[in-house]
Protein backbone atom coordinates (compact mmCIF):
# COMPACT_ATOMS: atom_id res chain seq x y z
CA UNK A 1 61.89 -166.08 -210.52
CA UNK A 2 62.02 -169.02 -212.93
CA UNK A 3 62.38 -172.42 -211.29
CA UNK A 4 65.76 -174.01 -211.94
CA UNK A 5 65.72 -177.31 -213.79
CA UNK A 6 68.24 -180.08 -213.21
CA UNK A 7 68.70 -183.25 -215.24
CA UNK A 8 70.24 -186.29 -213.55
CA UNK A 9 71.54 -189.44 -215.21
CA UNK A 10 71.67 -192.33 -212.75
CA UNK A 11 68.83 -190.83 -210.72
CA UNK A 12 67.77 -194.25 -209.41
CA UNK A 13 71.19 -194.88 -207.84
CA UNK A 14 72.41 -194.03 -204.37
CA UNK A 15 73.80 -190.62 -205.31
CA UNK A 16 70.91 -189.79 -207.63
CA UNK A 17 68.45 -190.39 -204.82
CA UNK A 18 70.23 -188.14 -202.32
CA UNK A 19 70.90 -185.48 -204.96
CA UNK A 20 67.22 -185.46 -205.94
CA UNK A 21 66.27 -184.83 -202.32
CA UNK A 22 68.76 -181.98 -202.04
CA UNK A 23 67.68 -180.30 -205.29
CA UNK A 24 63.98 -180.60 -204.47
CA UNK A 25 64.66 -179.01 -201.09
CA UNK A 26 66.48 -176.20 -202.91
CA UNK A 27 63.38 -175.54 -205.02
CA UNK A 28 64.48 -177.19 -208.27
CA UNK A 29 62.39 -179.01 -210.81
CA UNK A 30 64.21 -182.34 -211.14
CA UNK A 31 64.30 -184.56 -214.21
CA UNK A 32 65.87 -187.99 -214.24
CA UNK A 33 66.87 -190.43 -216.96
CA UNK A 34 66.00 -194.07 -216.32
CA UNK A 35 66.51 -197.18 -218.39
CA UNK A 36 63.44 -199.06 -219.58
CA UNK A 37 63.07 -202.41 -217.81
CA UNK A 38 60.21 -204.87 -217.42
CA UNK A 39 60.14 -204.30 -213.66
CA UNK A 40 60.27 -201.09 -211.65
CA UNK A 41 63.77 -200.12 -210.52
CA UNK A 42 62.96 -196.81 -208.84
CA UNK A 43 63.06 -197.99 -205.20
CA UNK A 44 65.45 -195.25 -204.04
CA UNK A 45 63.28 -192.40 -205.32
CA UNK A 46 59.78 -193.82 -204.80
CA UNK A 47 59.37 -191.75 -201.63
CA UNK A 48 59.99 -188.57 -203.69
CA UNK A 49 57.83 -189.38 -206.69
CA UNK A 50 54.26 -188.13 -207.14
CA UNK A 51 51.94 -188.33 -210.13
CA UNK A 52 53.39 -185.97 -212.77
CA UNK A 53 49.84 -184.90 -213.65
CA UNK A 54 49.56 -183.12 -210.30
CA UNK A 55 50.19 -179.40 -210.33
CA UNK A 56 52.72 -179.65 -207.49
CA UNK A 57 54.85 -182.34 -209.16
CA UNK A 58 58.53 -181.37 -209.43
CA UNK A 59 60.15 -184.75 -210.17
CA UNK A 60 59.86 -186.17 -213.68
CA UNK A 61 61.37 -189.30 -215.23
CA UNK A 62 62.38 -189.92 -218.85
CA UNK A 63 63.37 -193.16 -220.54
CA UNK A 64 66.88 -193.06 -221.95
CA UNK A 65 70.33 -194.62 -221.83
CA UNK A 66 73.89 -193.33 -221.87
CA UNK A 67 74.56 -195.59 -224.85
CA UNK A 68 71.82 -193.84 -226.89
CA UNK A 69 73.00 -190.39 -227.95
CA UNK A 70 69.88 -189.53 -229.97
CA UNK A 71 67.58 -189.98 -227.00
CA UNK A 72 69.92 -188.04 -224.71
CA UNK A 73 69.75 -185.09 -227.12
CA UNK A 74 65.97 -185.25 -227.28
CA UNK A 75 65.68 -185.25 -223.51
CA UNK A 76 67.99 -182.25 -223.13
CA UNK A 77 66.05 -180.36 -225.81
CA UNK A 78 62.74 -181.14 -224.11
CA UNK A 79 63.81 -180.45 -220.51
CA UNK A 80 65.97 -177.36 -221.16
CA UNK A 81 67.98 -177.86 -217.94
CA UNK A 82 70.26 -175.30 -216.34
CA UNK A 83 72.26 -178.06 -214.66
CA UNK A 84 73.13 -181.64 -215.67
CA UNK A 85 74.57 -184.16 -213.22
CA UNK A 86 76.07 -187.20 -214.98
CA UNK A 87 75.92 -189.91 -212.32
CA UNK A 88 74.91 -192.79 -214.57
CA UNK A 89 77.36 -195.64 -215.09
CA UNK A 90 78.07 -199.32 -214.90
CA UNK A 91 79.72 -198.55 -211.59
CA UNK A 92 80.76 -201.92 -210.18
CA UNK A 93 84.54 -202.18 -210.59
CA UNK A 94 84.74 -205.98 -210.45
CA UNK A 95 81.91 -206.33 -212.98
CA UNK A 96 83.75 -204.02 -215.36
CA UNK A 97 86.36 -206.75 -215.89
CA UNK A 98 83.57 -209.09 -217.01
CA UNK A 99 81.76 -206.49 -219.17
CA UNK A 100 84.51 -204.12 -220.32
CA UNK A 101 82.93 -203.01 -223.62
CA UNK A 102 79.59 -202.09 -222.10
CA UNK A 103 81.28 -200.38 -219.14
CA UNK A 104 83.47 -198.22 -221.39
CA UNK A 105 80.57 -197.42 -223.71
CA UNK A 106 78.29 -196.27 -220.88
CA UNK A 107 80.89 -194.57 -218.70
CA UNK A 108 83.32 -193.12 -221.24
CA UNK A 109 81.38 -192.66 -224.46
CA UNK A 110 78.21 -191.90 -222.50
CA UNK A 111 79.89 -188.83 -221.03
CA UNK A 112 81.09 -187.75 -224.47
CA UNK A 113 77.55 -188.10 -225.87
CA UNK A 114 76.17 -185.80 -223.18
CA UNK A 115 78.96 -183.25 -223.62
CA UNK A 116 78.32 -183.14 -227.37
CA UNK A 117 74.58 -182.74 -226.80
CA UNK A 118 75.20 -179.93 -224.30
CA UNK A 119 77.61 -178.17 -226.67
CA UNK A 120 75.11 -178.27 -229.54
CA UNK A 121 72.19 -177.22 -227.35
CA UNK A 122 74.11 -174.33 -225.77
CA UNK A 123 75.43 -173.04 -229.11
CA UNK A 124 71.98 -173.23 -230.71
CA UNK A 125 69.98 -171.64 -227.88
CA UNK A 126 72.52 -169.48 -226.06
CA UNK A 127 71.31 -171.03 -222.78
CA UNK A 128 74.09 -171.97 -220.38
CA UNK A 129 74.08 -175.54 -219.09
CA UNK A 130 76.30 -176.34 -216.13
CA UNK A 131 77.64 -179.89 -216.26
CA UNK A 132 78.85 -182.14 -213.45
CA UNK A 133 80.85 -185.27 -214.24
CA UNK A 134 81.02 -187.96 -211.56
CA UNK A 135 84.65 -188.95 -211.37
CA UNK A 136 86.06 -191.64 -209.10
CA UNK A 137 89.03 -192.20 -206.82
CA UNK A 138 89.51 -195.46 -208.76
CA UNK A 139 91.13 -193.29 -211.44
CA UNK A 140 94.20 -192.98 -209.19
CA UNK A 141 94.50 -196.78 -209.16
CA UNK A 142 98.13 -197.72 -208.60
CA UNK A 143 98.79 -194.78 -206.35
CA UNK A 144 101.52 -192.34 -207.37
CA UNK A 145 101.25 -190.09 -204.30
CA UNK A 146 99.68 -190.18 -200.83
CA UNK A 147 97.26 -188.56 -200.26
CA UNK A 148 95.72 -188.09 -203.70
CA UNK A 149 94.61 -184.63 -204.84
CA UNK A 150 93.46 -182.92 -208.00
CA UNK A 151 96.87 -182.93 -209.72
CA UNK A 152 97.95 -186.44 -208.68
CA UNK A 153 98.63 -188.52 -211.83
CA UNK A 154 96.06 -191.16 -212.73
CA UNK A 155 97.01 -194.84 -213.05
CA UNK A 156 93.70 -196.69 -213.63
CA UNK A 157 93.58 -200.41 -212.84
CA UNK A 158 90.20 -201.53 -214.26
CA UNK A 159 88.03 -200.98 -217.35
CA UNK A 160 85.75 -198.86 -215.17
CA UNK A 161 88.61 -196.64 -213.99
CA UNK A 162 90.01 -196.28 -217.52
CA UNK A 163 86.60 -195.16 -218.75
CA UNK A 164 86.31 -192.66 -215.91
CA UNK A 165 89.72 -191.20 -216.79
CA UNK A 166 88.55 -190.77 -220.39
CA UNK A 167 85.36 -189.04 -219.20
CA UNK A 168 87.39 -186.81 -216.87
CA UNK A 169 89.68 -185.53 -219.63
CA UNK A 170 86.86 -185.11 -222.12
CA UNK A 171 85.08 -182.92 -219.56
CA UNK A 172 88.19 -180.76 -219.23
CA UNK A 173 88.62 -180.72 -223.02
CA UNK A 174 85.07 -179.47 -223.58
CA UNK A 175 85.46 -176.89 -220.83
CA UNK A 176 88.59 -175.50 -222.45
CA UNK A 177 87.57 -175.94 -226.10
CA UNK A 178 83.98 -174.72 -225.99
CA UNK A 179 83.86 -172.66 -222.78
CA UNK A 180 81.39 -175.03 -221.14
CA UNK A 181 80.77 -174.75 -217.41
CA UNK A 182 81.91 -178.33 -216.78
CA UNK A 183 83.23 -179.71 -213.50
CA UNK A 184 84.77 -183.01 -212.46
CA UNK A 185 84.07 -184.28 -208.97
CA UNK A 186 86.72 -186.86 -208.03
CA UNK A 187 84.72 -188.54 -205.32
CA UNK A 188 86.29 -191.11 -203.05
CA UNK A 189 84.22 -194.04 -201.79
CA UNK A 190 80.93 -192.87 -200.34
CA UNK A 191 78.38 -195.16 -198.77
CA UNK A 192 74.93 -195.11 -197.17
CA UNK A 193 71.90 -197.27 -196.42
CA UNK A 194 71.00 -196.79 -200.09
CA UNK A 195 74.22 -198.34 -201.38
CA UNK A 196 73.74 -201.25 -203.79
CA UNK A 197 73.79 -204.63 -202.09
CA UNK A 198 76.62 -206.01 -204.25
CA UNK A 199 79.09 -203.35 -203.06
CA UNK A 200 81.31 -204.60 -200.25
CA UNK A 201 80.20 -202.12 -197.58
CA UNK A 202 76.49 -202.77 -198.01
CA UNK A 203 77.16 -206.47 -198.51
CA UNK A 204 78.75 -206.46 -195.05
CA UNK A 205 76.10 -204.46 -193.21
CA UNK A 206 73.25 -206.36 -194.85
CA UNK A 207 74.89 -209.65 -193.83
CA UNK A 208 75.29 -208.41 -190.25
CA UNK A 209 71.58 -207.66 -190.04
CA UNK A 210 70.62 -211.01 -191.57
CA UNK A 211 72.95 -212.92 -189.25
CA UNK A 212 71.37 -211.19 -186.25
CA UNK A 213 67.94 -212.02 -187.68
CA UNK A 214 68.97 -215.65 -188.18
CA UNK A 215 68.44 -215.70 -191.94
CA UNK A 216 72.12 -215.85 -192.98
CA UNK A 217 75.05 -217.83 -191.61
CA UNK A 218 78.11 -216.84 -193.65
CA UNK A 219 79.52 -213.93 -195.64
CA UNK A 220 81.90 -214.48 -198.57
CA UNK A 221 84.40 -211.73 -199.41
CA UNK A 222 87.62 -211.26 -201.38
CA UNK A 223 90.52 -208.95 -200.47
CA UNK A 224 90.18 -207.75 -196.87
CA UNK A 225 93.36 -205.66 -196.85
CA UNK A 226 92.36 -203.01 -199.40
CA UNK A 227 92.20 -199.54 -197.84
CA UNK A 228 89.67 -196.91 -198.84
CA UNK A 229 88.66 -193.37 -197.92
CA UNK A 230 85.01 -193.85 -196.96
CA UNK A 231 82.46 -191.05 -196.49
CA UNK A 232 78.70 -190.58 -196.34
CA UNK A 233 76.96 -190.24 -199.70
CA UNK A 234 74.50 -187.62 -198.45
CA UNK A 235 77.44 -185.34 -197.62
CA UNK A 236 79.06 -185.93 -201.00
CA UNK A 237 76.09 -184.93 -203.17
CA UNK A 238 76.17 -181.55 -201.44
CA UNK A 239 79.68 -181.09 -202.86
CA UNK A 240 78.38 -181.91 -206.36
CA UNK A 241 75.76 -179.19 -206.10
CA UNK A 242 78.22 -176.66 -204.68
CA UNK A 243 80.56 -177.17 -207.65
CA UNK A 244 77.88 -175.96 -210.04
CA UNK A 245 77.10 -172.89 -207.89
CA UNK A 246 80.59 -171.40 -208.22
CA UNK A 247 81.57 -168.48 -210.45
CA UNK A 248 84.05 -170.61 -212.42
CA UNK A 249 84.12 -174.33 -213.28
CA UNK A 250 86.86 -176.46 -211.78
CA UNK A 251 87.72 -179.97 -210.59
CA UNK A 252 87.60 -181.11 -206.95
CA UNK A 253 88.57 -184.10 -204.82
CA UNK A 254 85.84 -184.97 -202.32
CA UNK A 255 86.97 -187.22 -199.46
CA UNK A 256 87.46 -187.48 -195.70
CA UNK A 257 91.29 -187.54 -195.74
CA UNK A 258 91.21 -190.85 -193.80
CA UNK A 259 91.78 -194.42 -194.95
CA UNK A 260 90.47 -197.66 -193.43
CA UNK A 261 90.74 -201.30 -194.43
CA UNK A 262 87.88 -203.68 -195.08
CA UNK A 263 89.00 -205.51 -191.93
CA UNK A 264 88.37 -202.32 -189.96
CA UNK A 265 84.93 -202.03 -191.54
CA UNK A 266 84.20 -205.61 -190.47
CA UNK A 267 85.46 -204.92 -186.95
CA UNK A 268 83.07 -202.03 -186.46
CA UNK A 269 80.06 -203.57 -188.24
CA UNK A 270 80.13 -206.93 -186.45
CA UNK A 271 81.35 -205.44 -183.17
CA UNK A 272 78.38 -203.07 -183.16
CA UNK A 273 76.08 -206.09 -182.69
CA UNK A 274 78.52 -207.89 -180.37
CA UNK A 275 79.71 -210.43 -182.91
CA UNK A 276 83.20 -211.49 -184.09
CA UNK A 277 83.40 -211.25 -187.87
CA UNK A 278 86.01 -214.00 -188.06
CA UNK A 279 83.30 -216.47 -187.05
CA UNK A 280 81.24 -215.65 -190.16
CA UNK A 281 83.43 -214.30 -192.98
CA UNK A 282 84.80 -216.73 -195.58
CA UNK A 283 87.19 -216.11 -198.46
CA UNK A 284 86.08 -216.48 -202.08
CA UNK A 285 88.66 -215.83 -204.84
CA UNK A 286 85.88 -214.94 -207.29
CA UNK A 287 85.66 -211.54 -205.60
CA UNK A 288 89.29 -210.66 -206.26
CA UNK A 289 90.10 -208.22 -209.07
CA UNK A 290 92.71 -209.09 -211.72
CA UNK A 291 94.48 -205.86 -210.74
CA UNK A 292 93.88 -204.50 -207.26
CA UNK A 293 93.87 -200.94 -205.92
CA UNK A 294 95.45 -201.26 -202.50
CA UNK A 295 95.31 -197.77 -200.97
CA UNK A 296 93.16 -194.68 -201.53
CA UNK A 297 93.09 -191.55 -199.37
CA UNK A 298 92.02 -188.15 -200.64
CA UNK A 299 93.21 -184.63 -199.91
CA UNK A 300 90.00 -182.55 -199.98
CA UNK A 301 91.64 -179.23 -199.01
CA UNK A 302 90.49 -177.53 -202.21
CA UNK A 303 86.85 -178.54 -201.68
CA UNK A 304 86.98 -177.33 -198.10
CA UNK A 305 88.50 -173.95 -198.89
CA UNK A 306 86.77 -173.12 -202.20
CA UNK A 307 83.39 -174.83 -201.79
CA UNK A 308 83.25 -174.45 -197.99
CA UNK A 309 82.35 -178.14 -197.91
CA UNK A 310 82.75 -180.44 -194.91
CA UNK A 311 81.78 -184.03 -194.26
CA UNK A 312 79.49 -184.52 -191.28
CA UNK A 313 79.66 -188.29 -190.64
CA UNK A 314 82.88 -190.03 -189.62
CA UNK A 315 83.86 -193.61 -190.41
CA UNK A 316 82.50 -195.39 -187.28
CA UNK A 317 79.26 -193.38 -187.49
CA UNK A 318 78.87 -194.33 -191.15
CA UNK A 319 79.29 -198.05 -190.49
CA UNK A 320 76.88 -197.96 -187.55
CA UNK A 321 74.32 -195.96 -189.54
CA UNK A 322 74.39 -198.59 -192.28
CA UNK A 323 74.07 -201.48 -189.82
CA UNK A 324 71.16 -199.77 -188.06
CA UNK A 325 69.45 -199.20 -191.40
CA UNK A 326 69.81 -202.84 -192.42
CA UNK A 327 68.52 -203.96 -189.03
CA UNK A 328 65.41 -201.84 -189.63
CA UNK A 329 65.14 -203.29 -193.15
CA UNK A 330 64.86 -206.84 -191.74
CA UNK A 331 62.31 -205.77 -189.14
CA UNK A 332 64.64 -205.41 -186.15
CA UNK A 333 65.14 -202.27 -184.02
CA UNK A 334 68.34 -200.26 -184.53
CA UNK A 335 71.08 -200.70 -181.93
CA UNK A 336 71.16 -196.98 -181.18
CA UNK A 337 68.59 -194.21 -180.99
CA UNK A 338 67.83 -193.25 -184.62
CA UNK A 339 69.82 -190.25 -185.83
CA UNK A 340 68.46 -187.54 -188.12
CA UNK A 341 70.21 -189.25 -191.04
CA UNK A 342 68.60 -192.62 -190.27
CA UNK A 343 65.19 -190.99 -189.79
CA UNK A 344 65.56 -189.35 -193.20
CA UNK A 345 65.96 -192.80 -194.76
CA UNK A 346 62.92 -194.37 -193.07
CA UNK A 347 60.66 -193.94 -196.11
CA UNK A 348 63.20 -195.72 -198.28
CA UNK A 349 63.80 -198.41 -195.66
CA UNK A 350 60.10 -199.15 -195.33
CA UNK A 351 60.05 -200.04 -199.00
CA UNK A 352 63.29 -202.02 -198.69
CA UNK A 353 61.85 -204.03 -195.80
CA UNK A 354 59.08 -205.30 -198.10
CA UNK A 355 61.63 -206.73 -200.52
CA UNK A 356 63.80 -208.62 -198.00
CA UNK A 357 63.57 -212.33 -198.80
């Protein structure tokens, strides 16, 4: 049987890392698109990567960018993937207000460039390519219904969210216009020890570990009252893969059907190490958004019934897992006996520990 090939944009991100692990375990040959930089930015996948000259290599990286349609086409032609997962983006919502043009170009037009390349490739070769588009709960923005599900109207409140809405509808348009197997995953907030350090959840757990280690004294945050539906990223990439294994393409909300405030996150994270967050957290208006999204909670009934998907890590477990991971990253022991999920991240954490300043 021919080995399946998957192409991932955003492979060096949190989701790309977990998805690469899943696909490699499923026997895939995995190809990833990375941007050319003067320093290595592959920390999250270094534990998976081996010399591509070796006969057993199944992970390959290609230089490219979502803003460069010509290169995207060349990569698709060379790789000949059966599945494409579009996870690449300028994904920081607050930053999208500062860099709106780049955000929209990468997130919105980048998706269109891939869809066009897939359409041309599929029509020319007759080879089916199944496409996954990484949507976001931020598309719901100023919430029109609680909880939010697949047919809840969008009301985006940031350049990032507007671009994601555009990408969402283009994916549907190409599915209906050209009979592409194209799916939208409307994923609510999903976190892990591999989350970027500028995102509020990881910013909190990293600060907790550094405060315990004595290398940080304060943590500056913005809006503490925003409520989000938080899950574990490793669970969520399984839903992505399941979408492309179905008989028909469709769109799915992936969530936990629970909502928690940033204050609750702080309570659990600091409480886990016997600290009171109010002694350390300071307010900084620079972290406020011009337009805020106050409440997100997803109805994942469709994903549960059709994909047979379930999340395995609840909110307190997620926060504690992230704190434990950041404690390990600064050279301290975890508060609890390492779980299977934490053990699976040890290779990544060993590398992260070397970069802690």
